Amino acid sequence: MAFRFRNFKVYQDAKLLHREIVILVNTFPRNYWYLADQMKRSSLSIVLNIAEGSSKQSDKDFNRYIAISLGSVDETIASLEIAFDQKLLSKERFIYFEGRHELLSNQLGGFSKFLKS
């Protein structure tokens, strides 16, 4: 099946979350362009690794890409913490994004377990 990643809920959720991150970082002042760029790239990496991994020949190979996606979730959270420390987002917004990323991390972890079985 071509583009099977489109059928995965975790892919759809990661794509929506990336869109939200892009909207958030577009509110950052220009002198934080580097942080905004990194957050966009790390959140996009979550989505793209799910897609790329889905085309691999084995579940073991696919699972490596899921692991990379999980790393990108952590990278995005670390970037959000830095943005929060710099007062670029409110505590409420940080908690919201942290919760969304935690849910995504749990989905990826569950998907990884499924691929291992």
PDB file of N, CA and C in Angstrom:
ATOM      1  N   MET A   1       0.837  -1.177   0.000  1.00  0.00           N
ATOM      2  CA  MET A   1       0.000   0.000   0.000  1.00  0.00           C
ATOM      3  C   MET A   1       0.890   1.252   0.000  1.00  0.00           C
ATOM      4  N   ALA A   2       0.665   2.132  -0.941  1.00  0.00           N
ATOM      5  CA  ALA A   2       1.444   3.363  -1.027  1.00  0.00           C
ATOM      6  C   ALA A   2       1.002   4.337   0.067  1.00  0.00           C
ATOM      7  N   PHE A   3       1.957   4.993   0.662  1.00  0.00           N
ATOM      8  CA  PHE A   3       1.710   6.033   1.668  1.00  0.00           C
ATOM      9  C   PHE A   3       0.883   5.524   2.849  1.00  0.00           C
ATOM     10  N   ARG A   4       1.259   4.362   3.350  1.00  0.00           N
ATOM     11  CA  ARG A   4       0.483   3.762   4.444  1.00  0.00           C
ATOM     12  C   ARG A   4       0.512   4.596   5.718  1.00  0.00           C
ATOM     13  N   PHE A   5       1.504   5.462   5.853  1.00  0.00           N
ATOM     14  CA  PHE A   5       1.605   6.315   7.046  1.00  0.00           C
ATOM     15  C   PHE A   5       0.362   7.175   7.229  1.00  0.00           C
ATOM     16  N   ARG A   6      -0.318   7.490   6.133  1.00  0.00           N
ATOM     17  CA  ARG A   6      -1.518   8.324   6.229  1.00  0.00           C
ATOM     18  C   ARG A   6      -2.624   7.657   7.057  1.00  0.00           C
ATOM     19  N   ASN A   7      -2.562   6.351   7.198  1.00  0.00           N
ATOM     20  CA  ASN A   7      -3.579   5.618   7.937  1.00  0.00           C
ATOM     21  C   ASN A   7      -3.309   5.562   9.436  1.00  0.00           C
ATOM     22  N   PHE A   8      -2.145   6.009   9.870  1.00  0.00           N
ATOM     23  CA  PHE A   8      -1.775   5.916  11.281  1.00  0.00           C
ATOM     24  C   PHE A   8      -2.239   7.153  12.036  1.00  0.00           C
ATOM     25  N   LYS A   9      -2.982   6.929  13.114  1.00  0.00           N
ATOM     26  CA  LYS A   9      -3.451   8.044  13.943  1.00  0.00           C
ATOM     27  C   LYS A   9      -2.276   8.846  14.493  1.00  0.00           C
ATOM     28  N   VAL A  10      -1.205   8.176  14.851  1.00  0.00           N
ATOM     29  CA  VAL A  10      -0.042   8.868  15.402  1.00  0.00           C
ATOM     30  C   VAL A  10       0.532   9.840  14.368  1.00  0.00           C
ATOM     31  N   TYR A  11       0.491   9.490  13.108  1.00  0.00           N
ATOM     32  CA  TYR A  11       0.944  10.394  12.047  1.00  0.00           C
ATOM     33  C   TYR A  11       0.034  11.623  11.969  1.00  0.00           C
ATOM     34  N   GLN A  12      -1.265  11.387  11.971  1.00  0.00           N
ATOM     35  CA  GLN A  12      -2.223  12.491  11.896  1.00  0.00           C
ATOM     36  C   GLN A  12      -2.057  13.434  13.091  1.00  0.00           C
ATOM     37  N   ASP A  13      -1.908  12.865  14.279  1.00  0.00           N
ATOM     38  CA  ASP A  13      -1.746  13.679  15.487  1.00  0.00           C
ATOM     39  C   ASP A  13      -0.431  14.459  15.464  1.00  0.00           C
ATOM     40  N   ALA A  14       0.630  13.829  14.987  1.00  0.00           N
ATOM     41  CA  ALA A  14       1.929  14.506  14.908  1.00  0.00           C
ATOM     42  C   ALA A  14       1.865  15.667  13.916  1.00  0.00           C
ATOM     43  N   LYS A  15       1.165  15.460  12.827  1.00  0.00           N
ATOM     44  CA  LYS A  15       1.024  16.508  11.817  1.00  0.00           C
ATOM     45  C   LYS A  15       0.255  17.711  12.382  1.00  0.00           C
ATOM     46  N   LEU A  16      -0.817  17.447  13.110  1.00  0.00           N
ATOM     47  CA  LEU A  16      -1.585  18.532  13.734  1.00  0.00           C
ATOM     48  C   LEU A  16      -0.743  19.286  14.766  1.00  0.00           C
ATOM     49  N   LEU A  17       0.016  18.549  15.544  1.00  0.00           N
ATOM     50  CA  LEU A  17       0.845  19.184  16.558  1.00  0.00           C
ATOM     51  C   LEU A  17       1.940  20.034  15.915  1.00  0.00           C
ATOM     52  N   HIS A  18       2.501  19.555  14.819  1.00  0.00           N
ATOM     53  CA  HIS A  18       3.498  20.363  14.103  1.00  0.00           C
ATOM     54  C   HIS A  18       2.879  21.687  13.648  1.00  0.00           C
ATOM     55  N   ARG A  19       1.674  21.621  13.129  1.00  0.00           N
ATOM     56  CA  ARG A  19       0.987  22.842  12.688  1.00  0.00           C
ATOM     57  C   ARG A  19       0.825  23.815  13.857  1.00  0.00           C
ATOM     58  N   GLU A  20       0.476  23.297  15.032  1.00  0.00           N
ATOM     59  CA  GLU A  20       0.320  24.152  16.210  1.00  0.00           C
ATOM     60  C   GLU A  20       1.653  24.774  16.637  1.00  0.00           C
ATOM     61  N   ILE A  21       2.724  23.997  16.535  1.00  0.00           N
ATOM     62  CA  ILE A  21       4.052  24.519  16.881  1.00  0.00           C
ATOM     63  C   ILE A  21       4.429  25.652  15.929  1.00  0.00           C
ATOM     64  N   VAL A  22       4.164  25.483  14.648  1.00  0.00           N
ATOM     65  CA  VAL A  22       4.480  26.525  13.671  1.00  0.00           C
ATOM     66  C   VAL A  22       3.716  27.812  14.007  1.00  0.00           C
ATOM     67  N   ILE A  23       2.453  27.673  14.342  1.00  0.00           N
ATOM     68  CA  ILE A  23       1.652  28.849  14.720  1.00  0.00           C
ATOM     69  C   ILE A  23       2.247  29.516  15.965  1.00  0.00           C
ATOM     70  N   LEU A  24       2.632  28.701  16.955  1.00  0.00           N
ATOM     71  CA  LEU A  24       3.229  29.246  18.181  1.00  0.00           C
ATOM     72  C   LEU A  24       4.500  30.015  17.891  1.00  0.00           C
ATOM     73  N   VAL A  25       5.437  29.396  17.191  1.00  0.00           N
ATOM     74  CA  VAL A  25       6.751  30.028  17.015  1.00  0.00           C
ATOM     75  C   VAL A  25       6.695  31.249  16.106  1.00  0.00           C
ATOM     76  N   ASN A  26       5.659  31.351  15.307  1.00  0.00           N
ATOM     77  CA  ASN A  26       5.510  32.551  14.484  1.00  0.00           C
ATOM     78  C   ASN A  26       5.198  33.786  15.319  1.00  0.00           C
ATOM     79  N   THR A  27       4.899  33.583  16.615  1.00  0.00           N
ATOM     80  CA  THR A  27       4.673  34.711  17.527  1.00  0.00           C
ATOM     81  C   THR A  27       5.959  35.141  18.235  1.00  0.00           C
ATOM     82  N   PHE A  28       7.034  34.369  18.098  1.00  0.00           N
ATOM     83  CA  PHE A  28       8.282  34.693  18.776  1.00  0.00           C
ATOM     84  C   PHE A  28       8.919  35.942  18.150  1.00  0.00           C
ATOM     85  N   PRO A  29       9.602  36.746  18.963  1.00  0.00           N
ATOM     86  CA  PRO A  29      10.338  37.891  18.413  1.00  0.00           C
ATOM     87  C   PRO A  29      11.437  37.413  17.443  1.00  0.00           C
ATOM     88  N   ARG A  30      11.791  38.273  16.527  1.00  0.00           N
ATOM     89  CA  ARG A  30      12.784  37.921  15.493  1.00  0.00           C
ATOM     90  C   ARG A  30      14.119  37.455  16.065  1.00  0.00           C
ATOM     91  N   ASN A  31      14.519  38.010  17.198  1.00  0.00           N
ATOM     92  CA  ASN A  31      15.821  37.623  17.745  1.00  0.00           C
ATOM     93  C   ASN A  31      15.822  36.197  18.311  1.00  0.00           C
ATOM     94  N   TYR A  32      14.673  35.543  18.307  1.00  0.00           N
ATOM     95  CA  TYR A  32      14.595  34.125  18.694  1.00  0.00           C
ATOM     96  C   TYR A  32      14.324  33.245  17.480  1.00  0.00           C
ATOM     97  N   TRP A  33      14.731  33.716  16.309  1.00  0.00           N
ATOM     98  CA  TRP A  33      14.506  32.950  15.077  1.00  0.00           C
ATOM     99  C   TRP A  33      15.145  31.568  15.154  1.00  0.00           C
ATOM    100  N   TYR A  34      16.319  31.475  15.771  1.00  0.00           N
ATOM    101  CA  TYR A  34      17.034  30.205  15.862  1.00  0.00           C
ATOM    102  C   TYR A  34      16.230  29.175  16.665  1.00  0.00           C
ATOM    103  N   LEU A  35      15.583  29.616  17.734  1.00  0.00           N
ATOM    104  CA  LEU A  35      14.778  28.714  18.554  1.00  0.00           C
ATOM    105  C   LEU A  35      13.503  28.324  17.811  1.00  0.00           C
ATOM    106  N   ALA A  36      12.890  29.291  17.156  1.00  0.00           N
ATOM    107  CA  ALA A  36      11.690  29.008  16.366  1.00  0.00           C
ATOM    108  C   ALA A  36      12.010  28.010  15.257  1.00  0.00           C
ATOM    109  N   ASP A  37      13.126  28.218  14.580  1.00  0.00           N
ATOM    110  CA  ASP A  37      13.524  27.318  13.498  1.00  0.00           C
ATOM    111  C   ASP A  37      13.776  25.902  14.026  1.00  0.00           C
ATOM    112  N   GLN A  38      14.455  25.799  15.150  1.00  0.00           N
ATOM    113  CA  GLN A  38      14.748  24.487  15.727  1.00  0.00           C
ATOM    114  C   GLN A  38      13.466  23.767  16.140  1.00  0.00           C
ATOM    115  N   MET A  39      12.523  24.499  16.717  1.00  0.00           N
ATOM    116  CA  MET A  39      11.260  23.889  17.142  1.00  0.00           C
ATOM    117  C   MET A  39      10.455  23.415  15.936  1.00  0.00           C
ATOM    118  N   LYS A  40      10.456  24.198  14.870  1.00  0.00           N
ATOM    119  CA  LYS A  40       9.752  23.773  13.653  1.00  0.00           C
ATOM    120  C   LYS A  40      10.397  22.515  13.084  1.00  0.00           C
ATOM    121  N   ARG A  41      11.737  22.493  13.057  1.00  0.00           N
ATOM    122  CA  ARG A  41      12.433  21.341  12.488  1.00  0.00           C
ATOM    123  C   ARG A  41      12.265  20.081  13.341  1.00  0.00           C
ATOM    124  N   SER A  42      12.336  20.228  14.658  1.00  0.00           N
ATOM    125  CA  SER A  42      12.204  19.031  15.503  1.00  0.00           C
ATOM    126  C   SER A  42      10.780  18.488  15.478  1.00  0.00           C
ATOM    127  N   SER A  43       9.778  19.375  15.446  1.00  0.00           N
ATOM    128  CA  SER A  43       8.398  18.881  15.382  1.00  0.00           C
ATOM    129  C   SER A  43       8.091  18.285  14.008  1.00  0.00           C
ATOM    130  N   LEU A  44       8.694  18.839  12.965  1.00  0.00           N
ATOM    131  CA  LEU A  44       8.533  18.263  11.629  1.00  0.00           C
ATOM    132  C   LEU A  44       9.215  16.900  11.547  1.00  0.00           C
ATOM    133  N   SER A  45      10.331  16.754  12.232  1.00  0.00           N
ATOM    134  CA  SER A  45      11.060  15.480  12.244  1.00  0.00           C
ATOM    135  C   SER A  45      10.209  14.344  12.803  1.00  0.00           C
ATOM    136  N   ILE A  46       9.364  14.656  13.770  1.00  0.00           N
ATOM    137  CA  ILE A  46       8.461  13.633  14.322  1.00  0.00           C
ATOM    138  C   ILE A  46       7.592  13.075  13.202  1.00  0.00           C
ATOM    139  N   VAL A  47       6.985  13.973  12.457  1.00  0.00           N
ATOM    140  CA  VAL A  47       6.071  13.600  11.372  1.00  0.00           C
ATOM    141  C   VAL A  47       6.813  12.841  10.271  1.00  0.00           C
ATOM    142  N   LEU A  48       7.929  13.401   9.833  1.00  0.00           N
ATOM    143  CA  LEU A  48       8.630  12.833   8.682  1.00  0.00           C
ATOM    144  C   LEU A  48       9.251  11.481   8.974  1.00  0.00           C
ATOM    145  N   ASN A  49       9.691  11.256  10.196  1.00  0.00           N
ATOM    146  CA  ASN A  49      10.257   9.944  10.525  1.00  0.00           C
ATOM    147  C   ASN A  49       9.193   8.861  10.584  1.00  0.00           C
ATOM    148  N   ILE A  50       7.986   9.215  10.999  1.00  0.00           N
ATOM    149  CA  ILE A  50       6.888   8.242  10.946  1.00  0.00           C
ATOM    150  C   ILE A  50       6.629   7.878   9.488  1.00  0.00           C
ATOM    151  N   ALA A  51       6.565   8.889   8.638  1.00  0.00           N
ATOM    152  CA  ALA A  51       6.294   8.643   7.215  1.00  0.00           C
ATOM    153  C   ALA A  51       7.418   7.829   6.578  1.00  0.00           C
ATOM    154  N   GLU A  52       8.649   8.251   6.782  1.00  0.00           N
ATOM    155  CA  GLU A  52       9.771   7.552   6.151  1.00  0.00           C
ATOM    156  C   GLU A  52       9.894   6.114   6.659  1.00  0.00           C
ATOM    157  N   GLY A  53       9.739   5.927   7.947  1.00  0.00           N
ATOM    158  CA  GLY A  53       9.855   4.585   8.514  1.00  0.00           C
ATOM    159  C   GLY A  53       8.798   3.634   7.998  1.00  0.00           C
ATOM    160  N   SER A  54       7.629   4.167   7.680  1.00  0.00           N
ATOM    161  CA  SER A  54       6.532   3.299   7.240  1.00  0.00           C
ATOM    162  C   SER A  54       6.820   2.603   5.922  1.00  0.00           C
ATOM    163  N   SER A  55       7.783   3.105   5.163  1.00  0.00           N
ATOM    164  CA  SER A  55       8.095   2.490   3.878  1.00  0.00           C
ATOM    165  C   SER A  55       9.230   1.467   3.965  1.00  0.00           C
ATOM    166  N   LYS A  56       9.760   1.253   5.149  1.00  0.00           N
ATOM    167  CA  LYS A  56      10.858   0.300   5.307  1.00  0.00           C
ATOM    168  C   LYS A  56      10.359  -1.136   5.172  1.00  0.00           C
ATOM    169  N   GLN A  57      11.271  -2.005   4.863  1.00  0.00           N
ATOM    170  CA  GLN A  57      10.923  -3.393   4.552  1.00  0.00           C
ATOM    171  C   GLN A  57      10.515  -4.221   5.757  1.00  0.00           C
ATOM    172  N   SER A  58      10.982  -3.833   6.934  1.00  0.00           N
ATOM    173  CA  SER A  58      10.667  -4.632   8.117  1.00  0.00           C
ATOM    174  C   SER A  58      10.169  -3.731   9.243  1.00  0.00           C
ATOM    175  N   ASP A  59       9.441  -4.350  10.166  1.00  0.00           N
ATOM    176  CA  ASP A  59       8.980  -3.616  11.338  1.00  0.00           C
ATOM    177  C   ASP A  59      10.154  -3.178  12.204  1.00  0.00           C
ATOM    178  N   LYS A  60      11.236  -3.983  12.195  1.00  0.00           N
ATOM    179  CA  LYS A  60      12.422  -3.624  12.965  1.00  0.00           C
ATOM    180  C   LYS A  60      13.017  -2.314  12.435  1.00  0.00           C
ATOM    181  N   ASP A  61      13.094  -2.191  11.123  1.00  0.00           N
ATOM    182  CA  ASP A  61      13.593  -0.948  10.529  1.00  0.00           C
ATOM    183  C   ASP A  61      12.644   0.213  10.819  1.00  0.00           C
ATOM    184  N   PHE A  62      11.345  -0.037  10.671  1.00  0.00           N
ATOM    185  CA  PHE A  62      10.341   0.995  10.947  1.00  0.00           C
ATOM    186  C   PHE A  62      10.479   1.470  12.393  1.00  0.00           C
ATOM    187  N   ASN A  63      10.716   0.553  13.301  1.00  0.00           N
ATOM    188  CA  ASN A  63      10.814   0.892  14.712  1.00  0.00           C
ATOM    189  C   ASN A  63      11.982   1.837  14.999  1.00  0.00           C
ATOM    190  N   ARG A  64      13.059   1.731  14.229  1.00  0.00           N
ATOM    191  CA  ARG A  64      14.182   2.664  14.400  1.00  0.00           C
ATOM    192  C   ARG A  64      13.730   4.099  14.112  1.00  0.00           C
ATOM    193  N   TYR A  65      12.879   4.256  13.126  1.00  0.00           N
ATOM    194  CA  TYR A  65      12.372   5.583  12.797  1.00  0.00           C
ATOM    195  C   TYR A  65      11.406   6.096  13.858  1.00  0.00           C
ATOM    196  N   ILE A  66      10.659   5.183  14.451  1.00  0.00           N
ATOM    197  CA  ILE A  66       9.779   5.573  15.561  1.00  0.00           C
ATOM    198  C   ILE A  66      10.630   6.054  16.734  1.00  0.00           C
ATOM    199  N   ALA A  67      11.760   5.395  16.967  1.00  0.00           N
ATOM    200  CA  ALA A  67      12.673   5.821  18.034  1.00  0.00           C
ATOM    201  C   ALA A  67      13.225   7.219  17.755  1.00  0.00           C
ATOM    202  N   ILE A  68      13.526   7.497  16.507  1.00  0.00           N
ATOM    203  CA  ILE A  68      14.006   8.833  16.141  1.00  0.00           C
ATOM    204  C   ILE A  68      12.899   9.856  16.378  1.00  0.00           C
ATOM    205  N   SER A  69      11.665   9.501  16.026  1.00  0.00           N
ATOM    206  CA  SER A  69      10.534  10.390  16.286  1.00  0.00           C
ATOM    207  C   SER A  69      10.408  10.685  17.777  1.00  0.00           C
ATOM    208  N   LEU A  70      10.579   9.667  18.603  1.00  0.00           N
ATOM    209  CA  LEU A  70      10.524   9.874  20.056  1.00  0.00           C
ATOM    210  C   LEU A  70      11.611  10.835  20.521  1.00  0.00           C
ATOM    211  N   GLY A  71      12.789  10.711  19.948  1.00  0.00           N
ATOM    212  CA  GLY A  71      13.865  11.648  20.275  1.00  0.00           C
ATOM    213  C   GLY A  71      13.506  13.072  19.883  1.00  0.00           C
ATOM    214  N   SER A  72      12.824  13.210  18.756  1.00  0.00           N
ATOM    215  CA  SER A  72      12.409  14.538  18.305  1.00  0.00           C
ATOM    216  C   SER A  72      11.314  15.121  19.192  1.00  0.00           C
ATOM    217  N   VAL A  73      10.492  14.267  19.783  1.00  0.00           N
ATOM    218  CA  VAL A  73       9.510  14.742  20.763  1.00  0.00           C
ATOM    219  C   VAL A  73      10.257  15.369  21.939  1.00  0.00           C
ATOM    220  N   ASP A  74      11.268  14.679  22.444  1.00  0.00           N
ATOM    221  CA  ASP A  74      12.050  15.207  23.565  1.00  0.00           C
ATOM    222  C   ASP A  74      12.753  16.507  23.190  1.00  0.00           C
ATOM    223  N   GLU A  75      13.269  16.555  21.976  1.00  0.00           N
ATOM    224  CA  GLU A  75      13.946  17.768  21.507  1.00  0.00           C
ATOM    225  C   GLU A  75      12.970  18.944  21.456  1.00  0.00           C
ATOM    226  N   THR A  76      11.765  18.688  21.004  1.00  0.00           N
ATOM    227  CA  THR A  76      10.766  19.749  20.936  1.00  0.00           C
ATOM    228  C   THR A  76      10.381  20.221  22.335  1.00  0.00           C
ATOM    229  N   ILE A  77      10.230  19.281  23.262  1.00  0.00           N
ATOM    230  CA  ILE A  77       9.914  19.660  24.652  1.00  0.00           C
ATOM    231  C   ILE A  77      11.041  20.487  25.256  1.00  0.00           C
ATOM    232  N   ALA A  78      12.286  20.097  25.014  1.00  0.00           N
ATOM    233  CA  ALA A  78      13.414  20.877  25.536  1.00  0.00           C
ATOM    234  C   ALA A  78      13.385  22.295  24.965  1.00  0.00           C
ATOM    235  N   SER A  79      13.054  22.417  23.696  1.00  0.00           N
ATOM    236  CA  SER A  79      12.951  23.739  23.069  1.00  0.00           C
ATOM    237  C   SER A  79      11.807  24.544  23.674  1.00  0.00           C
ATOM    238  N   LEU A  80      10.698  23.879  23.950  1.00  0.00           N
ATOM    239  CA  LEU A  80       9.573  24.559  24.601  1.00  0.00           C
ATOM    240  C   LEU A  80       9.951  25.049  25.991  1.00  0.00           C
ATOM    241  N   GLU A  81      10.734  24.252  26.708  1.00  0.00           N
ATOM    242  CA  GLU A  81      11.189  24.677  28.039  1.00  0.00           C
ATOM    243  C   GLU A  81      12.060  25.920  27.945  1.00  0.00           C
ATOM    244  N   ILE A  82      12.936  25.948  26.962  1.00  0.00           N
ATOM    245  CA  ILE A  82      13.796  27.116  26.766  1.00  0.00           C
ATOM    246  C   ILE A  82      12.934  28.336  26.427  1.00  0.00           C
ATOM    247  N   ALA A  83      11.947  28.135  25.547  1.00  0.00           N
ATOM    248  CA  ALA A  83      11.041  29.228  25.185  1.00  0.00           C
ATOM    249  C   ALA A  83      10.279  29.716  26.418  1.00  0.00           C
ATOM    250  N   PHE A  84       9.853  28.791  27.254  1.00  0.00           N
ATOM    251  CA  PHE A  84       9.156  29.175  28.484  1.00  0.00           C
ATOM    252  C   PHE A  84      10.083  29.958  29.403  1.00  0.00           C
ATOM    253  N   ASP A  85      11.317  29.469  29.564  1.00  0.00           N
ATOM    254  CA  ASP A  85      12.294  30.162  30.403  1.00  0.00           C
ATOM    255  C   ASP A  85      12.561  31.587  29.905  1.00  0.00           C
ATOM    256  N   GLN A  86      12.487  31.770  28.596  1.00  0.00           N
ATOM    257  CA  GLN A  86      12.715  33.086  27.999  1.00  0.00           C
ATOM    258  C   GLN A  86      11.436  33.926  27.964  1.00  0.00           C
ATOM    259  N   LYS A  87      10.375  33.380  28.568  1.00  0.00           N
ATOM    260  CA  LYS A  87       9.075  34.062  28.649  1.00  0.00           C
ATOM    261  C   LYS A  87       8.444  34.314  27.265  1.00  0.00           C
ATOM    262  N   LEU A  88       8.664  33.349  26.357  1.00  0.00           N
ATOM    263  CA  LEU A  88       8.098  33.443  25.022  1.00  0.00           C
ATOM    264  C   LEU A  88       6.718  32.789  24.941  1.00  0.00           C
ATOM    265  N   LEU A  89       6.377  32.045  25.992  1.00  0.00           N
ATOM    266  CA  LEU A  89       5.032  31.483  26.086  1.00  0.00           C
ATOM    267  C   LEU A  89       4.644  31.392  27.552  1.00  0.00           C
ATOM    268  N   SER A  90       3.360  31.424  27.791  1.00  0.00           N
ATOM    269  CA  SER A  90       2.844  31.382  29.155  1.00  0.00           C
ATOM    270  C   SER A  90       2.960  29.977  29.729  1.00  0.00           C
ATOM    271  N   LYS A  91       2.816  29.904  31.037  1.00  0.00           N
ATOM    272  CA  LYS A  91       2.838  28.604  31.703  1.00  0.00           C
ATOM    273  C   LYS A  91       1.695  27.731  31.192  1.00  0.00           C
ATOM    274  N   GLU A  92       0.534  28.322  30.968  1.00  0.00           N
ATOM    275  CA  GLU A  92      -0.622  27.560  30.476  1.00  0.00           C
ATOM    276  C   GLU A  92      -0.339  26.970  29.101  1.00  0.00           C
ATOM    277  N   ARG A  93       0.259  27.775  28.209  1.00  0.00           N
ATOM    278  CA  ARG A  93       0.590  27.279  26.863  1.00  0.00           C
ATOM    279  C   ARG A  93       1.651  26.188  26.953  1.00  0.00           C
ATOM    280  N   PHE A  94       2.633  26.385  27.836  1.00  0.00           N
ATOM    281  CA  PHE A  94       3.667  25.354  27.994  1.00  0.00           C
ATOM    282  C   PHE A  94       3.047  24.048  28.461  1.00  0.00           C
ATOM    283  N   ILE A  95       2.178  24.122  29.456  1.00  0.00           N
ATOM    284  CA  ILE A  95       1.531  22.916  29.986  1.00  0.00           C
ATOM    285  C   ILE A  95       0.696  22.243  28.889  1.00  0.00           C
ATOM    286  N   TYR A  96       0.001  23.040  28.102  1.00  0.00           N
ATOM    287  CA  TYR A  96      -0.785  22.497  26.989  1.00  0.00           C
ATOM    288  C   TYR A  96       0.110  21.716  26.023  1.00  0.00           C
ATOM    289  N   PHE A  97       1.195  22.340  25.570  1.00  0.00           N
ATOM    290  CA  PHE A  97       2.078  21.674  24.609  1.00  0.00           C
ATOM    291  C   PHE A  97       2.799  20.485  25.228  1.00  0.00           C
ATOM    292  N   GLU A  98       3.152  20.591  26.483  1.00  0.00           N
ATOM    293  CA  GLU A  98       3.786  19.465  27.164  1.00  0.00           C
ATOM    294  C   GLU A  98       2.830  18.269  27.198  1.00  0.00           C
ATOM    295  N   GLY A  99       1.574  18.525  27.522  1.00  0.00           N
ATOM    296  CA  GLY A  99       0.580  17.451  27.548  1.00  0.00           C
ATOM    297  C   GLY A  99       0.359  16.830  26.185  1.00  0.00           C
ATOM    298  N   ARG A 100       0.283  17.650  25.158  1.00  0.00           N
ATOM    299  CA  ARG A 100       0.098  17.136  23.794  1.00  0.00           C
ATOM    300  C   ARG A 100       1.283  16.268  23.379  1.00  0.00           C
ATOM    301  N   HIS A 101       2.489  16.713  23.729  1.00  0.00           N
ATOM    302  CA  HIS A 101       3.677  15.929  23.381  1.00  0.00           C
ATOM    303  C   HIS A 101       3.767  14.644  24.203  1.00  0.00           C
ATOM    304  N   GLU A 102       3.300  14.692  25.433  1.00  0.00           N
ATOM    305  CA  GLU A 102       3.288  13.475  26.250  1.00  0.00           C
ATOM    306  C   GLU A 102       2.340  12.437  25.642  1.00  0.00           C
ATOM    307  N   LEU A 103       1.183  12.885  25.199  1.00  0.00           N
ATOM    308  CA  LEU A 103       0.250  11.965  24.537  1.00  0.00           C
ATOM    309  C   LEU A 103       0.863  11.379  23.273  1.00  0.00           C
ATOM    310  N   LEU A 104       1.530  12.220  22.498  1.00  0.00           N
ATOM    311  CA  LEU A 104       2.166  11.751  21.275  1.00  0.00           C
ATOM    312  C   LEU A 104       3.287  10.763  21.591  1.00  0.00           C
ATOM    313  N   SER A 105       4.042  11.052  22.625  1.00  0.00           N
ATOM    314  CA  SER A 105       5.114  10.146  23.052  1.00  0.00           C
ATOM    315  C   SER A 105       4.537   8.786  23.451  1.00  0.00           C
ATOM    316  N   ASN A 106       3.425   8.808  24.167  1.00  0.00           N
ATOM    317  CA  ASN A 106       2.781   7.550  24.558  1.00  0.00           C
ATOM    318  C   ASN A 106       2.284   6.785  23.336  1.00  0.00           C
ATOM    319  N   GLN A 107       1.726   7.497  22.364  1.00  0.00           N
ATOM    320  CA  GLN A 107       1.284   6.839  21.127  1.00  0.00           C
ATOM    321  C   GLN A 107       2.458   6.199  20.406  1.00  0.00           C
ATOM    322  N   LEU A 108       3.551   6.933  20.303  1.00  0.00           N
ATOM    323  CA  LEU A 108       4.735   6.393  19.624  1.00  0.00           C
ATOM    324  C   LEU A 108       5.295   5.193  20.375  1.00  0.00           C
ATOM    325  N   GLY A 109       5.303   5.266  21.708  1.00  0.00           N
ATOM    326  CA  GLY A 109       5.775   4.137  22.510  1.00  0.00           C
ATOM    327  C   GLY A 109       4.908   2.911  22.303  1.00  0.00           C
ATOM    328  N   GLY A 110       3.593   3.104  22.269  1.00  0.00           N
ATOM    329  CA  GLY A 110       2.680   1.992  22.019  1.00  0.00           C
ATOM    330  C   GLY A 110       2.859   1.427  20.626  1.00  0.00           C
ATOM    331  N   PHE A 111       3.068   2.305  19.664  1.00  0.00           N
ATOM    332  CA  PHE A 111       3.282   1.868  18.284  1.00  0.00           C
ATOM    333  C   PHE A 111       4.578   1.067  18.182  1.00  0.00           C
ATOM    334  N   SER A 112       5.593   1.520  18.903  1.00  0.00           N
ATOM    335  CA  SER A 112       6.878   0.809  18.928  1.00  0.00           C
ATOM    336  C   SER A 112       6.704  -0.600  19.497  1.00  0.00           C
ATOM    337  N   LYS A 113       5.951  -0.723  20.584  1.00  0.00           N
ATOM    338  CA  LYS A 113       5.692  -2.050  21.171  1.00  0.00           C
ATOM    339  C   LYS A 113       4.949  -2.938  20.186  1.00  0.00           C
ATOM    340  N   PHE A 114       3.980  -2.362  19.483  1.00  0.00           N
ATOM    341  CA  PHE A 114       3.237  -3.117  18.471  1.00  0.00           C
ATOM    342  C   PHE A 114       4.172  -3.634  17.380  1.00  0.00           C
ATOM    343  N   LEU A 115       5.093  -2.790  16.932  1.00  0.00           N
ATOM    344  CA  LEU A 115       6.028  -3.199  15.876  1.00  0.00           C
ATOM    345  C   LEU A 115       6.992  -4.285  16.351  1.00  0.00           C
ATOM    346  N   LYS A 116       7.290  -4.297  17.633  1.00  0.00           N
ATOM    347  CA  LYS A 116       8.184  -5.309  18.180  1.00  0.00           C
ATOM    348  C   LYS A 116       7.516  -6.670  18.342  1.00  0.00           C
ATOM    349  N   SER A 117       6.187  -6.667  18.392  1.00  0.00           N
ATOM    350  CA  SER A 117       5.492  -7.941  18.642  1.00  0.00           C
ATOM    351  C   SER A 117       5.280  -8.753  17.381  1.00  0.00           C
TER     352      SER A 117
END
